[in-house]
Amino acid sequence: MKIIIDTHIFLWAISEPEKIDPHKRAALETATNTVYVSSISIVELMIKSSLGKLQVNFNPVEVAEKSGFEMLDFSAGDGLQMKDMPFHHKDPFDRMLIAQSNARGIPIMTNDGKFKLYDCKII
C-alpha cells in the first residue's frame, strides 16, 4: 500500500512515535508499504521554522530518507485538483496534501479531523 503522511505524522514518526495510533504506526512500519513525505510538508516545515513557529534543527529530507520514507514532489497535475476543492480547511499546506492525495489516488494518514470533510481516502 502507498501512504502519504501529513506533516504532524512525519514529525511524530521521527521524534514521538508513541503519539501515533498503534494501527497507524503498524502501517508505517510495514515493510511492503511505501510511505511518502510530500515536498509540501518540507515547505511547511521550512516556512514555520523561518517564522519562528517551529524549531527545525535538522534536514527533514535527510531524516525522512534515513527513516525509510520516500519523498513525493508536488506536481502541476496535483495542483489542478485545488480548483474545485471546497474551503473546509483554510490551511494551504493541508489543502495541497489533500489535492496531492486525490490526484494520485494515495490515501493520506492524518489525525486532522477536517480532512474527513473532503472526498479523500484517509488512514
N, C-alpha and C. Protein backbone atom coordinates (compact mmCIF):
# COMPACT_ATOMS: atom_id res chain seq x y z
N MET A 1 0.84 -1.16 0.00
CA MET A 1 0.00 0.00 0.00
C MET A 1 0.89 1.24 0.00
N LYS A 2 0.42 2.29 -0.66
CA LYS A 2 1.10 3.58 -0.66
C LYS A 2 0.37 4.49 0.32
N ILE A 3 1.14 5.33 1.03
CA ILE A 3 0.57 6.23 2.03
C ILE A 3 1.32 7.57 1.96
N ILE A 4 0.57 8.66 1.93
CA ILE A 4 1.16 9.99 2.13
C ILE A 4 0.91 10.34 3.60
N ILE A 5 1.94 10.81 4.28
CA ILE A 5 1.74 11.18 5.69
C ILE A 5 1.66 12.70 5.83
N ASP A 6 0.71 13.14 6.67
CA ASP A 6 0.57 14.55 6.99
C ASP A 6 1.82 14.98 7.76
N THR A 7 2.09 16.27 7.76
CA THR A 7 3.31 16.80 8.36
C THR A 7 3.45 16.41 9.83
N HIS A 8 2.36 16.49 10.60
CA HIS A 8 2.47 16.15 12.02
C HIS A 8 2.77 14.66 12.22
N ILE A 9 2.27 13.81 11.34
CA ILE A 9 2.58 12.38 11.43
C ILE A 9 4.07 12.16 11.17
N PHE A 10 4.61 12.88 10.20
CA PHE A 10 6.05 12.80 9.94
C PHE A 10 6.85 13.20 11.17
N LEU A 11 6.50 14.33 11.77
CA LEU A 11 7.24 14.79 12.96
C LEU A 11 7.12 13.81 14.11
N TRP A 12 5.92 13.29 14.32
CA TRP A 12 5.75 12.29 15.38
C TRP A 12 6.55 11.03 15.08
N ALA A 13 6.54 10.59 13.83
CA ALA A 13 7.24 9.35 13.46
C ALA A 13 8.73 9.44 13.75
N ILE A 14 9.30 10.63 13.56
CA ILE A 14 10.75 10.76 13.76
C ILE A 14 11.14 11.16 15.18
N SER A 15 10.16 11.65 15.97
CA SER A 15 10.55 12.11 17.31
C SER A 15 9.68 11.59 18.45
N GLU A 16 8.40 11.33 18.19
CA GLU A 16 7.49 10.86 19.24
C GLU A 16 6.52 9.81 18.69
N PRO A 17 7.04 8.67 18.24
CA PRO A 17 6.18 7.68 17.59
C PRO A 17 5.04 7.17 18.48
N GLU A 18 5.20 7.29 19.79
CA GLU A 18 4.13 6.84 20.69
C GLU A 18 2.86 7.68 20.55
N LYS A 19 2.95 8.85 19.94
CA LYS A 19 1.78 9.68 19.71
C LYS A 19 0.90 9.16 18.56
N ILE A 20 1.46 8.28 17.76
CA ILE A 20 0.73 7.74 16.60
C ILE A 20 -0.07 6.53 17.04
N ASP A 21 -1.33 6.50 16.66
CA ASP A 21 -2.20 5.36 16.94
C ASP A 21 -1.48 4.07 16.54
N PRO A 22 -1.57 3.02 17.38
CA PRO A 22 -0.85 1.77 17.07
C PRO A 22 -1.17 1.18 15.70
N HIS A 23 -2.41 1.29 15.23
CA HIS A 23 -2.75 0.76 13.91
C HIS A 23 -2.07 1.57 12.80
N LYS A 24 -2.03 2.87 12.98
CA LYS A 24 -1.35 3.72 12.00
C LYS A 24 0.16 3.47 12.04
N ARG A 25 0.69 3.35 13.22
CA ARG A 25 2.13 3.09 13.36
C ARG A 25 2.50 1.76 12.69
N ALA A 26 1.64 0.76 12.84
CA ALA A 26 1.90 -0.53 12.19
C ALA A 26 1.94 -0.37 10.67
N ALA A 27 1.04 0.46 10.13
CA ALA A 27 1.04 0.70 8.68
C ALA A 27 2.33 1.38 8.24
N LEU A 28 2.84 2.29 9.07
CA LEU A 28 4.09 2.98 8.74
C LEU A 28 5.27 2.01 8.78
N GLU A 29 5.19 1.03 9.66
CA GLU A 29 6.31 0.11 9.87
C GLU A 29 6.26 -1.13 8.99
N THR A 30 5.16 -1.31 8.25
CA THR A 30 5.05 -2.47 7.37
C THR A 30 5.97 -2.30 6.17
N ALA A 31 6.91 -3.20 6.03
CA ALA A 31 7.96 -3.07 5.01
C ALA A 31 7.41 -3.04 3.58
N THR A 32 6.26 -3.65 3.36
CA THR A 32 5.72 -3.68 2.00
C THR A 32 4.97 -2.40 1.63
N ASN A 33 4.74 -1.51 2.60
CA ASN A 33 4.09 -0.23 2.33
C ASN A 33 5.13 0.81 1.90
N THR A 34 4.74 1.66 0.98
CA THR A 34 5.57 2.80 0.60
C THR A 34 4.98 4.03 1.26
N VAL A 35 5.77 4.65 2.13
CA VAL A 35 5.30 5.81 2.89
C VAL A 35 5.99 7.05 2.35
N TYR A 36 5.17 8.02 1.93
CA TYR A 36 5.69 9.24 1.32
C TYR A 36 5.60 10.44 2.25
N VAL A 37 6.66 11.24 2.23
CA VAL A 37 6.65 12.58 2.81
C VAL A 37 6.59 13.52 1.61
N SER A 38 5.56 14.32 1.55
CA SER A 38 5.38 15.24 0.43
C SER A 38 6.34 16.42 0.50
N SER A 39 6.71 16.91 -0.65
CA SER A 39 7.50 18.14 -0.69
C SER A 39 6.74 19.29 -0.03
N ILE A 40 5.42 19.21 -0.01
CA ILE A 40 4.60 20.22 0.66
C ILE A 40 4.91 20.24 2.15
N SER A 41 5.10 19.08 2.76
CA SER A 41 5.44 19.03 4.19
C SER A 41 6.80 19.67 4.45
N ILE A 42 7.74 19.48 3.54
CA ILE A 42 9.06 20.09 3.70
C ILE A 42 8.93 21.61 3.65
N VAL A 43 8.16 22.11 2.69
CA VAL A 43 7.93 23.56 2.58
C VAL A 43 7.26 24.08 3.85
N GLU A 44 6.25 23.37 4.33
CA GLU A 44 5.56 23.78 5.55
C GLU A 44 6.53 23.89 6.73
N LEU A 45 7.37 22.89 6.90
CA LEU A 45 8.35 22.90 7.99
C LEU A 45 9.32 24.07 7.87
N MET A 46 9.80 24.33 6.66
CA MET A 46 10.77 25.40 6.46
C MET A 46 10.15 26.78 6.68
N ILE A 47 8.91 26.96 6.22
CA ILE A 47 8.24 28.25 6.43
C ILE A 47 7.97 28.47 7.92
N LYS A 48 7.45 27.44 8.59
CA LYS A 48 7.17 27.59 10.03
C LYS A 48 8.45 27.82 10.82
N SER A 49 9.54 27.20 10.39
CA SER A 49 10.83 27.42 11.04
C SER A 49 11.30 28.86 10.83
N SER A 50 11.18 29.36 9.61
CA SER A 50 11.63 30.72 9.32
C SER A 50 10.80 31.77 10.05
N LEU A 51 9.55 31.44 10.37
CA LEU A 51 8.68 32.35 11.11
C LEU A 51 8.84 32.22 12.62
N GLY A 52 9.65 31.25 13.05
CA GLY A 52 9.86 31.03 14.48
C GLY A 52 8.73 30.26 15.15
N LYS A 53 7.86 29.65 14.37
CA LYS A 53 6.74 28.88 14.93
C LYS A 53 7.12 27.45 15.27
N LEU A 54 8.24 27.01 14.72
CA LEU A 54 8.67 25.63 14.89
C LEU A 54 10.19 25.60 14.76
N GLN A 55 10.84 24.88 15.65
CA GLN A 55 12.29 24.75 15.55
C GLN A 55 12.62 23.51 14.74
N VAL A 56 13.28 23.72 13.63
CA VAL A 56 13.71 22.62 12.77
C VAL A 56 15.23 22.71 12.67
N ASN A 57 15.90 21.95 13.53
CA ASN A 57 17.36 21.98 13.57
C ASN A 57 17.94 20.71 12.94
N PHE A 58 17.27 20.25 11.90
CA PHE A 58 17.71 19.05 11.18
C PHE A 58 17.29 19.22 9.72
N ASN A 59 17.87 18.42 8.86
CA ASN A 59 17.48 18.42 7.45
C ASN A 59 16.35 17.41 7.29
N PRO A 60 15.11 17.88 7.09
CA PRO A 60 13.98 16.95 7.06
C PRO A 60 14.02 15.97 5.88
N VAL A 61 14.65 16.36 4.79
CA VAL A 61 14.75 15.44 3.65
C VAL A 61 15.68 14.28 4.02
N GLU A 62 16.83 14.60 4.59
CA GLU A 62 17.76 13.55 5.01
C GLU A 62 17.14 12.64 6.06
N VAL A 63 16.47 13.24 7.04
CA VAL A 63 15.84 12.45 8.11
C VAL A 63 14.74 11.55 7.54
N ALA A 64 13.95 12.09 6.63
CA ALA A 64 12.88 11.29 6.02
C ALA A 64 13.48 10.08 5.29
N GLU A 65 14.49 10.33 4.49
CA GLU A 65 15.10 9.24 3.73
C GLU A 65 15.78 8.22 4.64
N LYS A 66 16.46 8.69 5.68
CA LYS A 66 17.10 7.76 6.63
C LYS A 66 16.07 6.96 7.40
N SER A 67 14.88 7.51 7.55
CA SER A 67 13.80 6.82 8.28
C SER A 67 13.04 5.84 7.38
N GLY A 68 13.42 5.78 6.12
CA GLY A 68 12.78 4.83 5.21
C GLY A 68 11.60 5.40 4.45
N PHE A 69 11.36 6.70 4.56
CA PHE A 69 10.27 7.33 3.83
C PHE A 69 10.75 7.74 2.45
N GLU A 70 9.84 7.77 1.51
CA GLU A 70 10.12 8.24 0.15
C GLU A 70 9.67 9.69 0.05
N MET A 71 10.37 10.49 -0.74
CA MET A 71 9.95 11.86 -1.00
C MET A 71 8.99 11.86 -2.18
N LEU A 72 7.98 12.73 -2.11
CA LEU A 72 6.97 12.83 -3.17
C LEU A 72 6.82 14.30 -3.55
N ASP A 73 7.25 14.64 -4.76
CA ASP A 73 7.15 16.02 -5.22
C ASP A 73 5.72 16.38 -5.58
N PHE A 74 5.34 17.62 -5.32
CA PHE A 74 4.03 18.16 -5.67
C PHE A 74 4.12 18.60 -7.13
N SER A 75 3.18 18.13 -7.95
CA SER A 75 3.23 18.41 -9.38
C SER A 75 2.14 19.40 -9.80
N ALA A 76 2.26 19.90 -11.02
CA ALA A 76 1.23 20.77 -11.59
C ALA A 76 -0.10 20.02 -11.65
N GLY A 77 -0.05 18.74 -11.97
CA GLY A 77 -1.28 17.93 -12.00
C GLY A 77 -1.93 17.84 -10.64
N ASP A 78 -1.12 17.76 -9.59
CA ASP A 78 -1.66 17.76 -8.23
C ASP A 78 -2.36 19.09 -7.96
N GLY A 79 -1.74 20.17 -8.41
CA GLY A 79 -2.29 21.50 -8.18
C GLY A 79 -3.63 21.71 -8.87
N LEU A 80 -3.85 21.05 -9.99
CA LEU A 80 -5.12 21.20 -10.70
C LEU A 80 -6.31 20.77 -9.84
N GLN A 81 -6.08 19.87 -8.93
CA GLN A 81 -7.14 19.37 -8.05
C GLN A 81 -7.72 20.48 -7.16
N MET A 82 -6.95 21.52 -6.94
CA MET A 82 -7.36 22.56 -5.99
C MET A 82 -8.44 23.48 -6.53
N LYS A 83 -8.63 23.50 -7.83
CA LYS A 83 -9.60 24.42 -8.44
C LYS A 83 -11.00 24.26 -7.87
N ASP A 84 -11.45 23.05 -7.74
CA ASP A 84 -12.82 22.79 -7.30
C ASP A 84 -12.94 22.32 -5.86
N MET A 85 -11.84 22.40 -5.11
CA MET A 85 -11.89 21.95 -3.71
C MET A 85 -12.67 22.95 -2.86
N PRO A 86 -13.58 22.45 -2.03
CA PRO A 86 -14.27 23.35 -1.10
C PRO A 86 -13.29 23.86 -0.04
N PHE A 87 -13.64 24.94 0.63
CA PHE A 87 -12.77 25.54 1.64
C PHE A 87 -13.18 25.14 3.05
N HIS A 88 -13.23 23.81 3.28
CA HIS A 88 -13.49 23.33 4.64
C HIS A 88 -12.30 23.61 5.54
N HIS A 89 -11.15 23.72 4.92
CA HIS A 89 -9.90 23.84 5.65
C HIS A 89 -9.15 25.04 5.08
N LYS A 90 -8.76 25.96 5.93
CA LYS A 90 -8.07 27.17 5.47
C LYS A 90 -6.56 26.98 5.32
N ASP A 91 -6.01 25.95 5.94
CA ASP A 91 -4.57 25.72 5.90
C ASP A 91 -4.15 25.32 4.48
N PRO A 92 -3.36 26.17 3.79
CA PRO A 92 -2.99 25.86 2.40
C PRO A 92 -2.15 24.60 2.27
N PHE A 93 -1.32 24.30 3.27
CA PHE A 93 -0.49 23.09 3.19
C PHE A 93 -1.35 21.84 3.24
N ASP A 94 -2.32 21.83 4.14
CA ASP A 94 -3.22 20.68 4.23
C ASP A 94 -4.04 20.53 2.96
N ARG A 95 -4.50 21.65 2.42
CA ARG A 95 -5.28 21.59 1.18
C ARG A 95 -4.44 21.01 0.03
N MET A 96 -3.16 21.37 -0.02
CA MET A 96 -2.29 20.83 -1.06
C MET A 96 -2.03 19.34 -0.85
N LEU A 97 -1.88 18.92 0.40
CA LEU A 97 -1.70 17.49 0.67
C LEU A 97 -2.94 16.70 0.26
N ILE A 98 -4.12 17.25 0.53
CA ILE A 98 -5.37 16.59 0.14
C ILE A 98 -5.45 16.51 -1.39
N ALA A 99 -5.11 17.60 -2.07
CA ALA A 99 -5.13 17.61 -3.53
C ALA A 99 -4.17 16.57 -4.09
N GLN A 100 -2.97 16.48 -3.50
CA GLN A 100 -1.99 15.51 -3.95
C GLN A 100 -2.49 14.09 -3.74
N SER A 101 -3.09 13.85 -2.59
CA SER A 101 -3.65 12.55 -2.28
C SER A 101 -4.72 12.16 -3.31
N ASN A 102 -5.61 13.09 -3.59
CA ASN A 102 -6.67 12.81 -4.56
C ASN A 102 -6.14 12.62 -5.97
N ALA A 103 -5.21 13.47 -6.39
CA ALA A 103 -4.67 13.38 -7.74
C ALA A 103 -3.95 12.06 -7.98
N ARG A 104 -3.30 11.56 -6.95
CA ARG A 104 -2.50 10.34 -7.10
C ARG A 104 -3.24 9.07 -6.67
N GLY A 105 -4.42 9.27 -6.05
CA GLY A 105 -5.15 8.10 -5.57
C GLY A 105 -4.45 7.40 -4.42
N ILE A 106 -3.71 8.16 -3.62
CA ILE A 106 -2.97 7.60 -2.50
C ILE A 106 -3.62 8.11 -1.21
N PRO A 107 -3.97 7.22 -0.30
CA PRO A 107 -4.57 7.67 0.96
C PRO A 107 -3.58 8.49 1.79
N ILE A 108 -4.13 9.35 2.62
CA ILE A 108 -3.31 10.20 3.47
C ILE A 108 -3.54 9.84 4.93
N MET A 109 -2.44 9.77 5.67
CA MET A 109 -2.52 9.47 7.10
C MET A 109 -2.45 10.78 7.86
N THR A 110 -3.48 11.04 8.67
CA THR A 110 -3.55 12.27 9.44
C THR A 110 -4.39 12.05 10.69
N ASN A 111 -4.24 12.94 11.64
CA ASN A 111 -5.12 12.98 12.81
C ASN A 111 -6.01 14.21 12.75
N ASP A 112 -5.92 14.97 11.67
CA ASP A 112 -6.70 16.19 11.49
C ASP A 112 -8.12 15.84 11.05
N GLY A 113 -9.08 16.08 11.93
CA GLY A 113 -10.48 15.75 11.65
C GLY A 113 -11.07 16.48 10.48
N LYS A 114 -10.52 17.64 10.12
CA LYS A 114 -11.07 18.41 9.00
C LYS A 114 -10.88 17.70 7.66
N PHE A 115 -9.91 16.80 7.59
CA PHE A 115 -9.68 16.07 6.35
C PHE A 115 -10.91 15.24 5.97
N LYS A 116 -11.67 14.80 6.97
CA LYS A 116 -12.85 13.98 6.72
C LYS A 116 -13.93 14.74 5.95
N LEU A 117 -13.85 16.05 5.94
CA LEU A 117 -14.83 16.87 5.21
C LEU A 117 -14.60 16.82 3.71
N TYR A 118 -13.44 16.32 3.30
CA TYR A 118 -13.09 16.24 1.89
C TYR A 118 -13.30 14.83 1.37
N ASP A 119 -13.42 14.73 0.08
CA ASP A 119 -13.58 13.44 -0.56
C ASP A 119 -12.18 12.87 -0.83
N CYS A 120 -11.53 12.41 0.24
CA CYS A 120 -10.22 11.82 0.08
C CYS A 120 -10.13 10.59 0.99
N LYS A 121 -9.23 9.70 0.62
CA LYS A 121 -9.03 8.49 1.40
C LYS A 121 -8.11 8.80 2.58
N ILE A 122 -8.59 8.49 3.78
CA ILE A 122 -7.83 8.80 4.99
C ILE A 122 -7.50 7.51 5.75
N ILE A 123 -6.30 7.49 6.27
CA ILE A 123 -5.88 6.39 7.15
C ILE A 123 -5.78 6.97 8.55
